[in-house]
Amino acid sequence: QAWLDEPQWVKRFTEHGAPGAYFSVETEGVVAAGDSILVLDSPEHGVTIGEVFDGRRGDVARLRLLLDEGVDLDPKLSAELEKTVRLAGA
């Protein structure tokens, strides 16, 4: 929000509920619609950004399922999700 210099960006983004992937720019250049991208790494667990986002927006039961399935998530993310579930009493 601060980096984008967009007041209320986080609130608008969250309310919209359509998260996606973020990318970093490795080499400056021109990118146009229809250009291909190369995915260098993708986790095998199949958990989507949308599932985690929905859980953080209130679908705590879905978070509990993800955690109970033993999905190999990033340890920091797992700890944050566990805390969210614990605080919600789920």
PDB file of N, CA and C in Angstrom:
ATOM      1  N   GLN A   1       0.835  -1.189   0.000  1.00  0.00           N
ATOM      2  CA  GLN A   1       0.000   0.000   0.000  1.00  0.00           C
ATOM      3  C   GLN A   1       0.876   1.248   0.000  1.00  0.00           C
ATOM      4  N   ALA A   2       1.836   1.313   0.907  1.00  0.00           N
ATOM      5  CA  ALA A   2       2.724   2.479   0.959  1.00  0.00           C
ATOM      6  C   ALA A   2       3.615   2.517  -0.277  1.00  0.00           C
ATOM      7  N   TRP A   3       4.125   1.360  -0.659  1.00  0.00           N
ATOM      8  CA  TRP A   3       5.013   1.287  -1.812  1.00  0.00           C
ATOM      9  C   TRP A   3       4.277   1.697  -3.075  1.00  0.00           C
ATOM     10  N   LEU A   4       3.000   1.327  -3.168  1.00  0.00           N
ATOM     11  CA  LEU A   4       2.199   1.671  -4.339  1.00  0.00           C
ATOM     12  C   LEU A   4       1.661   3.097  -4.269  1.00  0.00           C
ATOM     13  N   ASP A   5       1.743   3.702  -3.074  1.00  0.00           N
ATOM     14  CA  ASP A   5       1.179   5.032  -2.837  1.00  0.00           C
ATOM     15  C   ASP A   5      -0.310   5.041  -3.182  1.00  0.00           C
ATOM     16  N   GLU A   6      -1.004   3.993  -2.723  1.00  0.00           N
ATOM     17  CA  GLU A   6      -2.434   3.827  -2.969  1.00  0.00           C
ATOM     18  C   GLU A   6      -3.154   3.682  -1.636  1.00  0.00           C
ATOM     19  N   PRO A   7      -3.750   4.742  -1.114  1.00  0.00           N
ATOM     20  CA  PRO A   7      -4.495   4.625   0.143  1.00  0.00           C
ATOM     21  C   PRO A   7      -5.599   3.580   0.023  1.00  0.00           C
ATOM     22  N   GLN A   8      -5.779   2.789   1.078  1.00  0.00           N
ATOM     23  CA  GLN A   8      -6.825   1.773   1.160  1.00  0.00           C
ATOM     24  C   GLN A   8      -6.639   0.612   0.185  1.00  0.00           C
ATOM     25  N   TRP A   9      -5.462   0.476  -0.407  1.00  0.00           N
ATOM     26  CA  TRP A   9      -5.233  -0.586  -1.380  1.00  0.00           C
ATOM     27  C   TRP A   9      -5.434  -1.962  -0.764  1.00  0.00           C
ATOM     28  N   VAL A  10      -4.888  -2.197   0.421  1.00  0.00           N
ATOM     29  CA  VAL A  10      -4.998  -3.506   1.053  1.00  0.00           C
ATOM     30  C   VAL A  10      -6.465  -3.846   1.297  1.00  0.00           C
ATOM     31  N   LYS A  11      -7.235  -2.882   1.786  1.00  0.00           N
ATOM     32  CA  LYS A  11      -8.660  -3.108   2.044  1.00  0.00           C
ATOM     33  C   LYS A  11      -9.400  -3.429   0.742  1.00  0.00           C
ATOM     34  N   ARG A  12      -9.149  -2.667  -0.318  1.00  0.00           N
ATOM     35  CA  ARG A  12      -9.816  -2.912  -1.601  1.00  0.00           C
ATOM     36  C   ARG A  12      -9.416  -4.271  -2.171  1.00  0.00           C
ATOM     37  N   PHE A  13      -8.158  -4.588  -2.096  1.00  0.00           N
ATOM     38  CA  PHE A  13      -7.645  -5.859  -2.598  1.00  0.00           C
ATOM     39  C   PHE A  13      -8.310  -7.015  -1.861  1.00  0.00           C
ATOM     40  N   THR A  14      -8.386  -6.920  -0.535  1.00  0.00           N
ATOM     41  CA  THR A  14      -8.979  -7.976   0.279  1.00  0.00           C
ATOM     42  C   THR A  14     -10.467  -8.122  -0.003  1.00  0.00           C
ATOM     43  N   GLU A  15     -11.174  -7.018  -0.071  1.00  0.00           N
ATOM     44  CA  GLU A  15     -12.610  -7.061  -0.334  1.00  0.00           C
ATOM     45  C   GLU A  15     -12.923  -7.646  -1.708  1.00  0.00           C
ATOM     46  N   HIS A  16     -12.061  -7.388  -2.675  1.00  0.00           N
ATOM     47  CA  HIS A  16     -12.270  -7.915  -4.021  1.00  0.00           C
ATOM     48  C   HIS A  16     -12.153  -9.443  -4.033  1.00  0.00           C
ATOM     49  N   GLY A  17     -11.232  -9.970  -3.235  1.00  0.00           N
ATOM     50  CA  GLY A  17     -11.121 -11.417  -3.080  1.00  0.00           C
ATOM     51  C   GLY A  17     -10.604 -12.176  -4.275  1.00  0.00           C
ATOM     52  N   ALA A  18      -9.760 -11.580  -5.069  1.00  0.00           N
ATOM     53  CA  ALA A  18      -9.203 -12.278  -6.228  1.00  0.00           C
ATOM     54  C   ALA A  18      -7.678 -12.189  -6.200  1.00  0.00           C
ATOM     55  N   PRO A  19      -7.061 -12.920  -5.271  1.00  0.00           N
ATOM     56  CA  PRO A  19      -5.608 -12.853  -5.175  1.00  0.00           C
ATOM     57  C   PRO A  19      -4.948 -13.575  -6.340  1.00  0.00           C
ATOM     58  N   GLY A  20      -3.708 -13.309  -6.511  1.00  0.00           N
ATOM     59  CA  GLY A  20      -2.959 -13.977  -7.556  1.00  0.00           C
ATOM     60  C   GLY A  20      -1.488 -13.992  -7.208  1.00  0.00           C
ATOM     61  N   ALA A  21      -0.706 -14.444  -8.126  1.00  0.00           N
ATOM     62  CA  ALA A  21       0.729 -14.530  -7.913  1.00  0.00           C
ATOM     63  C   ALA A  21       1.384 -13.177  -8.162  1.00  0.00           C
ATOM     64  N   TYR A  22       2.469 -12.966  -7.477  1.00  0.00           N
ATOM     65  CA  TYR A  22       3.276 -11.771  -7.685  1.00  0.00           C
ATOM     66  C   TYR A  22       4.590 -12.219  -8.315  1.00  0.00           C
ATOM     67  N   PHE A  23       5.118 -11.392  -9.154  1.00  0.00           N
ATOM     68  CA  PHE A  23       6.337 -11.733  -9.857  1.00  0.00           C
ATOM     69  C   PHE A  23       7.399 -10.681  -9.587  1.00  0.00           C
ATOM     70  N   SER A  24       8.635 -11.074  -9.754  1.00  0.00           N
ATOM     71  CA  SER A  24       9.717 -10.104  -9.672  1.00  0.00           C
ATOM     72  C   SER A  24      10.280  -9.909 -11.080  1.00  0.00           C
ATOM     73  N   VAL A  25      10.808  -8.732 -11.311  1.00  0.00           N
ATOM     74  CA  VAL A  25      11.406  -8.421 -12.608  1.00  0.00           C
ATOM     75  C   VAL A  25      12.892  -8.710 -12.526  1.00  0.00           C
ATOM     76  N   GLU A  26      13.355  -9.609 -13.367  1.00  0.00           N
ATOM     77  CA  GLU A  26      14.765  -9.970 -13.369  1.00  0.00           C
ATOM     78  C   GLU A  26      15.546  -9.155 -14.401  1.00  0.00           C
ATOM     79  N   THR A  27      14.883  -8.869 -15.520  1.00  0.00           N
ATOM     80  CA  THR A  27      15.506  -8.077 -16.577  1.00  0.00           C
ATOM     81  C   THR A  27      14.461  -7.122 -17.126  1.00  0.00           C
ATOM     82  N   GLU A  28      14.781  -5.845 -17.144  1.00  0.00           N
ATOM     83  CA  GLU A  28      13.826  -4.874 -17.681  1.00  0.00           C
ATOM     84  C   GLU A  28      13.604  -5.117 -19.160  1.00  0.00           C
ATOM     85  N   GLY A  29      12.394  -4.817 -19.596  1.00  0.00           N
ATOM     86  CA  GLY A  29      12.065  -4.976 -20.992  1.00  0.00           C
ATOM     87  C   GLY A  29      10.586  -4.734 -21.211  1.00  0.00           C
ATOM     88  N   VAL A  30      10.134  -5.016 -22.389  1.00  0.00           N
ATOM     89  CA  VAL A  30       8.739  -4.813 -22.754  1.00  0.00           C
ATOM     90  C   VAL A  30       7.992  -6.147 -22.644  1.00  0.00           C
ATOM     91  N   VAL A  31       6.844  -6.106 -21.984  1.00  0.00           N
ATOM     92  CA  VAL A  31       5.987  -7.285 -21.859  1.00  0.00           C
ATOM     93  C   VAL A  31       4.631  -6.900 -22.423  1.00  0.00           C
ATOM     94  N   ALA A  32       4.068  -7.790 -23.219  1.00  0.00           N
ATOM     95  CA  ALA A  32       2.774  -7.500 -23.841  1.00  0.00           C
ATOM     96  C   ALA A  32       1.822  -8.673 -23.622  1.00  0.00           C
ATOM     97  N   ALA A  33       0.546  -8.393 -23.739  1.00  0.00           N
ATOM     98  CA  ALA A  33      -0.465  -9.440 -23.628  1.00  0.00           C
ATOM     99  C   ALA A  33      -0.137 -10.558 -24.613  1.00  0.00           C
ATOM    100  N   GLY A  34      -0.236 -11.787 -24.143  1.00  0.00           N
ATOM    101  CA  GLY A  34       0.042 -12.936 -24.989  1.00  0.00           C
ATOM    102  C   GLY A  34       1.474 -13.436 -24.909  1.00  0.00           C
ATOM    103  N   ASP A  35       2.368 -12.645 -24.304  1.00  0.00           N
ATOM    104  CA  ASP A  35       3.744 -13.112 -24.138  1.00  0.00           C
ATOM    105  C   ASP A  35       3.760 -14.314 -23.202  1.00  0.00           C
ATOM    106  N   SER A  36       4.678 -15.228 -23.412  1.00  0.00           N
ATOM    107  CA  SER A  36       4.772 -16.404 -22.558  1.00  0.00           C
ATOM    108  C   SER A  36       5.631 -16.103 -21.337  1.00  0.00           C
ATOM    109  N   ILE A  37       5.408 -16.896 -20.298  1.00  0.00           N
ATOM    110  CA  ILE A  37       6.255 -16.817 -19.110  1.00  0.00           C
ATOM    111  C   ILE A  37       6.783 -18.209 -18.832  1.00  0.00           C
ATOM    112  N   LEU A  38       7.867 -18.274 -18.135  1.00  0.00           N
ATOM    113  CA  LEU A  38       8.481 -19.542 -17.786  1.00  0.00           C
ATOM    114  C   LEU A  38       8.385 -19.709 -16.277  1.00  0.00           C
ATOM    115  N   VAL A  39       7.695 -20.756 -15.821  1.00  0.00           N
ATOM    116  CA  VAL A  39       7.584 -21.052 -14.399  1.00  0.00           C
ATOM    117  C   VAL A  39       8.802 -21.893 -14.021  1.00  0.00           C
ATOM    118  N   LEU A  40       9.628 -21.344 -13.147  1.00  0.00           N
ATOM    119  CA  LEU A  40      10.858 -22.031 -12.769  1.00  0.00           C
ATOM    120  C   LEU A  40      10.659 -23.012 -11.626  1.00  0.00           C
ATOM    121  N   ASP A  41       9.676 -22.730 -10.773  1.00  0.00           N
ATOM    122  CA  ASP A  41       9.454 -23.592  -9.623  1.00  0.00           C
ATOM    123  C   ASP A  41       7.997 -23.500  -9.200  1.00  0.00           C
ATOM    124  N   SER A  42       7.424 -24.616  -8.854  1.00  0.00           N
ATOM    125  CA  SER A  42       6.043 -24.654  -8.396  1.00  0.00           C
ATOM    126  C   SER A  42       5.924 -25.760  -7.355  1.00  0.00           C
ATOM    127  N   PRO A  43       5.367 -25.460  -6.180  1.00  0.00           N
ATOM    128  CA  PRO A  43       5.256 -26.501  -5.156  1.00  0.00           C
ATOM    129  C   PRO A  43       4.319 -27.623  -5.595  1.00  0.00           C
ATOM    130  N   GLU A  44       4.560 -28.809  -5.095  1.00  0.00           N
ATOM    131  CA  GLU A  44       3.773 -29.977  -5.478  1.00  0.00           C
ATOM    132  C   GLU A  44       2.494 -30.127  -4.670  1.00  0.00           C
ATOM    133  N   HIS A  45       2.320 -29.352  -3.597  1.00  0.00           N
ATOM    134  CA  HIS A  45       1.195 -29.585  -2.689  1.00  0.00           C
ATOM    135  C   HIS A  45      -0.163 -29.199  -3.255  1.00  0.00           C
ATOM    136  N   GLY A  46      -0.210 -28.366  -4.276  1.00  0.00           N
ATOM    137  CA  GLY A  46      -1.479 -28.027  -4.905  1.00  0.00           C
ATOM    138  C   GLY A  46      -2.323 -26.990  -4.187  1.00  0.00           C
ATOM    139  N   VAL A  47      -1.845 -26.474  -3.059  1.00  0.00           N
ATOM    140  CA  VAL A  47      -2.590 -25.440  -2.338  1.00  0.00           C
ATOM    141  C   VAL A  47      -2.500 -24.153  -3.137  1.00  0.00           C
ATOM    142  N   THR A  48      -3.643 -23.522  -3.346  1.00  0.00           N
ATOM    143  CA  THR A  48      -3.648 -22.296  -4.137  1.00  0.00           C
ATOM    144  C   THR A  48      -3.581 -21.066  -3.242  1.00  0.00           C
ATOM    145  N   ILE A  49      -3.161 -19.969  -3.827  1.00  0.00           N
ATOM    146  CA  ILE A  49      -3.155 -18.695  -3.123  1.00  0.00           C
ATOM    147  C   ILE A  49      -4.581 -18.355  -2.692  1.00  0.00           C
ATOM    148  N   GLY A  50      -5.539 -18.661  -3.538  1.00  0.00           N
ATOM    149  CA  GLY A  50      -6.934 -18.381  -3.221  1.00  0.00           C
ATOM    150  C   GLY A  50      -7.417 -19.120  -1.988  1.00  0.00           C
ATOM    151  N   GLU A  51      -7.013 -20.372  -1.819  1.00  0.00           N
ATOM    152  CA  GLU A  51      -7.428 -21.142  -0.638  1.00  0.00           C
ATOM    153  C   GLU A  51      -6.880 -20.521   0.640  1.00  0.00           C
ATOM    154  N   VAL A  52      -5.632 -20.154   0.618  1.00  0.00           N
ATOM    155  CA  VAL A  52      -5.033 -19.526   1.794  1.00  0.00           C
ATOM    156  C   VAL A  52      -5.683 -18.170   2.041  1.00  0.00           C
ATOM    157  N   PHE A  53      -5.910 -17.427   0.993  1.00  0.00           N
ATOM    158  CA  PHE A  53      -6.533 -16.111   1.103  1.00  0.00           C
ATOM    159  C   PHE A  53      -7.935 -16.226   1.697  1.00  0.00           C
ATOM    160  N   ASP A  54      -8.727 -17.189   1.203  1.00  0.00           N
ATOM    161  CA  ASP A  54     -10.073 -17.395   1.739  1.00  0.00           C
ATOM    162  C   ASP A  54     -10.025 -17.741   3.218  1.00  0.00           C
ATOM    163  N   GLY A  55      -9.053 -18.556   3.597  1.00  0.00           N
ATOM    164  CA  GLY A  55      -8.905 -18.914   5.004  1.00  0.00           C
ATOM    165  C   GLY A  55      -8.594 -17.712   5.867  1.00  0.00           C
ATOM    166  N   ARG A  56      -7.756 -16.862   5.366  1.00  0.00           N
ATOM    167  CA  ARG A  56      -7.415 -15.656   6.118  1.00  0.00           C
ATOM    168  C   ARG A  56      -8.562 -14.662   6.148  1.00  0.00           C
ATOM    169  N   ARG A  57      -9.492 -14.790   5.206  1.00  0.00           N
ATOM    170  CA  ARG A  57     -10.654 -13.897   5.182  1.00  0.00           C
ATOM    171  C   ARG A  57     -11.820 -14.466   5.970  1.00  0.00           C
ATOM    172  N   GLY A  58     -11.668 -15.629   6.571  1.00  0.00           N
ATOM    173  CA  GLY A  58     -12.728 -16.143   7.415  1.00  0.00           C
ATOM    174  C   GLY A  58     -13.072 -17.606   7.247  1.00  0.00           C
ATOM    175  N   ASP A  59     -12.613 -18.262   6.175  1.00  0.00           N
ATOM    176  CA  ASP A  59     -12.902 -19.681   5.983  1.00  0.00           C
ATOM    177  C   ASP A  59     -11.867 -20.499   6.756  1.00  0.00           C
ATOM    178  N   VAL A  60     -11.947 -20.390   8.078  1.00  0.00           N
ATOM    179  CA  VAL A  60     -10.957 -21.026   8.936  1.00  0.00           C
ATOM    180  C   VAL A  60     -11.038 -22.546   8.837  1.00  0.00           C
ATOM    181  N   ALA A  61     -12.213 -23.078   8.567  1.00  0.00           N
ATOM    182  CA  ALA A  61     -12.359 -24.528   8.419  1.00  0.00           C
ATOM    183  C   ALA A  61     -11.474 -25.036   7.280  1.00  0.00           C
ATOM    184  N   ARG A  62     -11.386 -24.270   6.193  1.00  0.00           N
ATOM    185  CA  ARG A  62     -10.525 -24.669   5.061  1.00  0.00           C
ATOM    186  C   ARG A  62      -9.061 -24.650   5.478  1.00  0.00           C
ATOM    187  N   LEU A  63      -8.677 -23.660   6.257  1.00  0.00           N
ATOM    188  CA  LEU A  63      -7.294 -23.619   6.748  1.00  0.00           C
ATOM    189  C   LEU A  63      -7.000 -24.841   7.605  1.00  0.00           C
ATOM    190  N   ARG A  64      -7.930 -25.194   8.471  1.00  0.00           N
ATOM    191  CA  ARG A  64      -7.746 -26.361   9.342  1.00  0.00           C
ATOM    192  C   ARG A  64      -7.541 -27.616   8.500  1.00  0.00           C
ATOM    193  N   LEU A  65      -8.335 -27.762   7.437  1.00  0.00           N
ATOM    194  CA  LEU A  65      -8.173 -28.921   6.547  1.00  0.00           C
ATOM    195  C   LEU A  65      -6.794 -28.936   5.897  1.00  0.00           C
ATOM    196  N   LEU A  66      -6.354 -27.779   5.420  1.00  0.00           N
ATOM    197  CA  LEU A  66      -5.031 -27.705   4.787  1.00  0.00           C
ATOM    198  C   LEU A  66      -3.945 -28.117   5.770  1.00  0.00           C
ATOM    199  N   LEU A  67      -4.061 -27.635   6.997  1.00  0.00           N
ATOM    200  CA  LEU A  67      -3.052 -27.949   7.998  1.00  0.00           C
ATOM    201  C   LEU A  67      -3.135 -29.418   8.413  1.00  0.00           C
ATOM    202  N   ASP A  68      -4.352 -29.958   8.538  1.00  0.00           N
ATOM    203  CA  ASP A  68      -4.530 -31.348   8.934  1.00  0.00           C
ATOM    204  C   ASP A  68      -4.075 -32.325   7.854  1.00  0.00           C
ATOM    205  N   GLU A  69      -4.109 -31.888   6.594  1.00  0.00           N
ATOM    206  CA  GLU A  69      -3.682 -32.752   5.491  1.00  0.00           C
ATOM    207  C   GLU A  69      -2.170 -32.929   5.466  1.00  0.00           C
ATOM    208  N   GLY A  70      -1.463 -32.153   6.276  1.00  0.00           N
ATOM    209  CA  GLY A  70      -0.011 -32.272   6.330  1.00  0.00           C
ATOM    210  C   GLY A  70       0.679 -31.752   5.087  1.00  0.00           C
ATOM    211  N   VAL A  71       0.044 -30.795   4.427  1.00  0.00           N
ATOM    212  CA  VAL A  71       0.621 -30.216   3.221  1.00  0.00           C
ATOM    213  C   VAL A  71       1.938 -29.531   3.573  1.00  0.00           C
ATOM    214  N   ASP A  72       2.944 -29.735   2.760  1.00  0.00           N
ATOM    215  CA  ASP A  72       4.275 -29.180   2.995  1.00  0.00           C
ATOM    216  C   ASP A  72       4.317 -27.706   2.593  1.00  0.00           C
ATOM    217  N   LEU A  73       3.834 -26.853   3.496  1.00  0.00           N
ATOM    218  CA  LEU A  73       3.850 -25.416   3.247  1.00  0.00           C
ATOM    219  C   LEU A  73       5.113 -24.810   3.833  1.00  0.00           C
ATOM    220  N   ASP A  74       5.415 -23.609   3.414  1.00  0.00           N
ATOM    221  CA  ASP A  74       6.518 -22.857   3.988  1.00  0.00           C
ATOM    222  C   ASP A  74       6.309 -22.796   5.507  1.00  0.00           C
ATOM    223  N   PRO A  75       7.333 -23.072   6.309  1.00  0.00           N
ATOM    224  CA  PRO A  75       7.166 -23.085   7.773  1.00  0.00           C
ATOM    225  C   PRO A  75       6.611 -21.780   8.347  1.00  0.00           C
ATOM    226  N   LYS A  76       7.038 -20.653   7.809  1.00  0.00           N
ATOM    227  CA  LYS A  76       6.536 -19.373   8.303  1.00  0.00           C
ATOM    228  C   LYS A  76       5.035 -19.245   8.009  1.00  0.00           C
ATOM    229  N   LEU A  77       4.620 -19.637   6.810  1.00  0.00           N
ATOM    230  CA  LEU A  77       3.206 -19.588   6.449  1.00  0.00           C
ATOM    231  C   LEU A  77       2.406 -20.551   7.324  1.00  0.00           C
ATOM    232  N   SER A  78       2.914 -21.759   7.524  1.00  0.00           N
ATOM    233  CA  SER A  78       2.222 -22.730   8.369  1.00  0.00           C
ATOM    234  C   SER A  78       2.008 -22.180   9.774  1.00  0.00           C
ATOM    235  N   ALA A  79       3.029 -21.542  10.327  1.00  0.00           N
ATOM    236  CA  ALA A  79       2.912 -20.971  11.675  1.00  0.00           C
ATOM    237  C   ALA A  79       1.854 -19.871  11.709  1.00  0.00           C
ATOM    238  N   GLU A  80       1.814 -19.040  10.680  1.00  0.00           N
ATOM    239  CA  GLU A  80       0.808 -17.970  10.618  1.00  0.00           C
ATOM    240  C   GLU A  80      -0.603 -18.556  10.511  1.00  0.00           C
ATOM    241  N   LEU A  81      -0.757 -19.595   9.696  1.00  0.00           N
ATOM    242  CA  LEU A  81      -2.068 -20.215   9.527  1.00  0.00           C
ATOM    243  C   LEU A  81      -2.513 -20.923  10.804  1.00  0.00           C
ATOM    244  N   GLU A  82      -1.584 -21.595  11.473  1.00  0.00           N
ATOM    245  CA  GLU A  82      -1.898 -22.239  12.753  1.00  0.00           C
ATOM    246  C   GLU A  82      -2.388 -21.201  13.762  1.00  0.00           C
ATOM    247  N   LYS A  83      -1.732 -20.058  13.792  1.00  0.00           N
ATOM    248  CA  LYS A  83      -2.124 -18.988  14.717  1.00  0.00           C
ATOM    249  C   LYS A  83      -3.534 -18.490  14.385  1.00  0.00           C
ATOM    250  N   THR A  84      -3.815 -18.316  13.098  1.00  0.00           N
ATOM    251  CA  THR A  84      -5.149 -17.863  12.668  1.00  0.00           C
ATOM    252  C   THR A  84      -6.217 -18.860  13.120  1.00  0.00           C
ATOM    253  N   VAL A  85      -5.949 -20.152  12.927  1.00  0.00           N
ATOM    254  CA  VAL A  85      -6.894 -21.199  13.313  1.00  0.00           C
ATOM    255  C   VAL A  85      -7.073 -21.208  14.828  1.00  0.00           C
ATOM    256  N   ARG A  86      -5.965 -21.124  15.552  1.00  0.00           N
ATOM    257  CA  ARG A  86      -6.017 -21.139  17.019  1.00  0.00           C
ATOM    258  C   ARG A  86      -6.824 -19.969  17.559  1.00  0.00           C
ATOM    259  N   LEU A  87      -6.576 -18.770  17.011  1.00  0.00           N
ATOM    260  CA  LEU A  87      -7.304 -17.579  17.461  1.00  0.00           C
ATOM    261  C   LEU A  87      -8.791 -17.648  17.146  1.00  0.00           C
ATOM    262  N   ALA A  88      -9.126 -18.371  16.074  1.00  0.00           N
ATOM    263  CA  ALA A  88     -10.535 -18.516  15.702  1.00  0.00           C
ATOM    264  C   ALA A  88     -11.211 -19.634  16.491  1.00  0.00           C
ATOM    265  N   GLY A  89     -10.407 -20.405  17.216  1.00  0.00           N
ATOM    266  CA  GLY A  89     -10.972 -21.485  18.017  1.00  0.00           C
ATOM    267  C   GLY A  89     -11.399 -22.680  17.198  1.00  0.00           C
ATOM    268  N   ALA A  90     -10.843 -22.811  16.003  1.00  0.00           N
ATOM    269  CA  ALA A  90     -11.236 -23.928  15.132  1.00  0.00           C
ATOM    270  C   ALA A  90     -10.309 -25.113  15.314  1.00  0.00           C
TER     271      ALA A  90
END
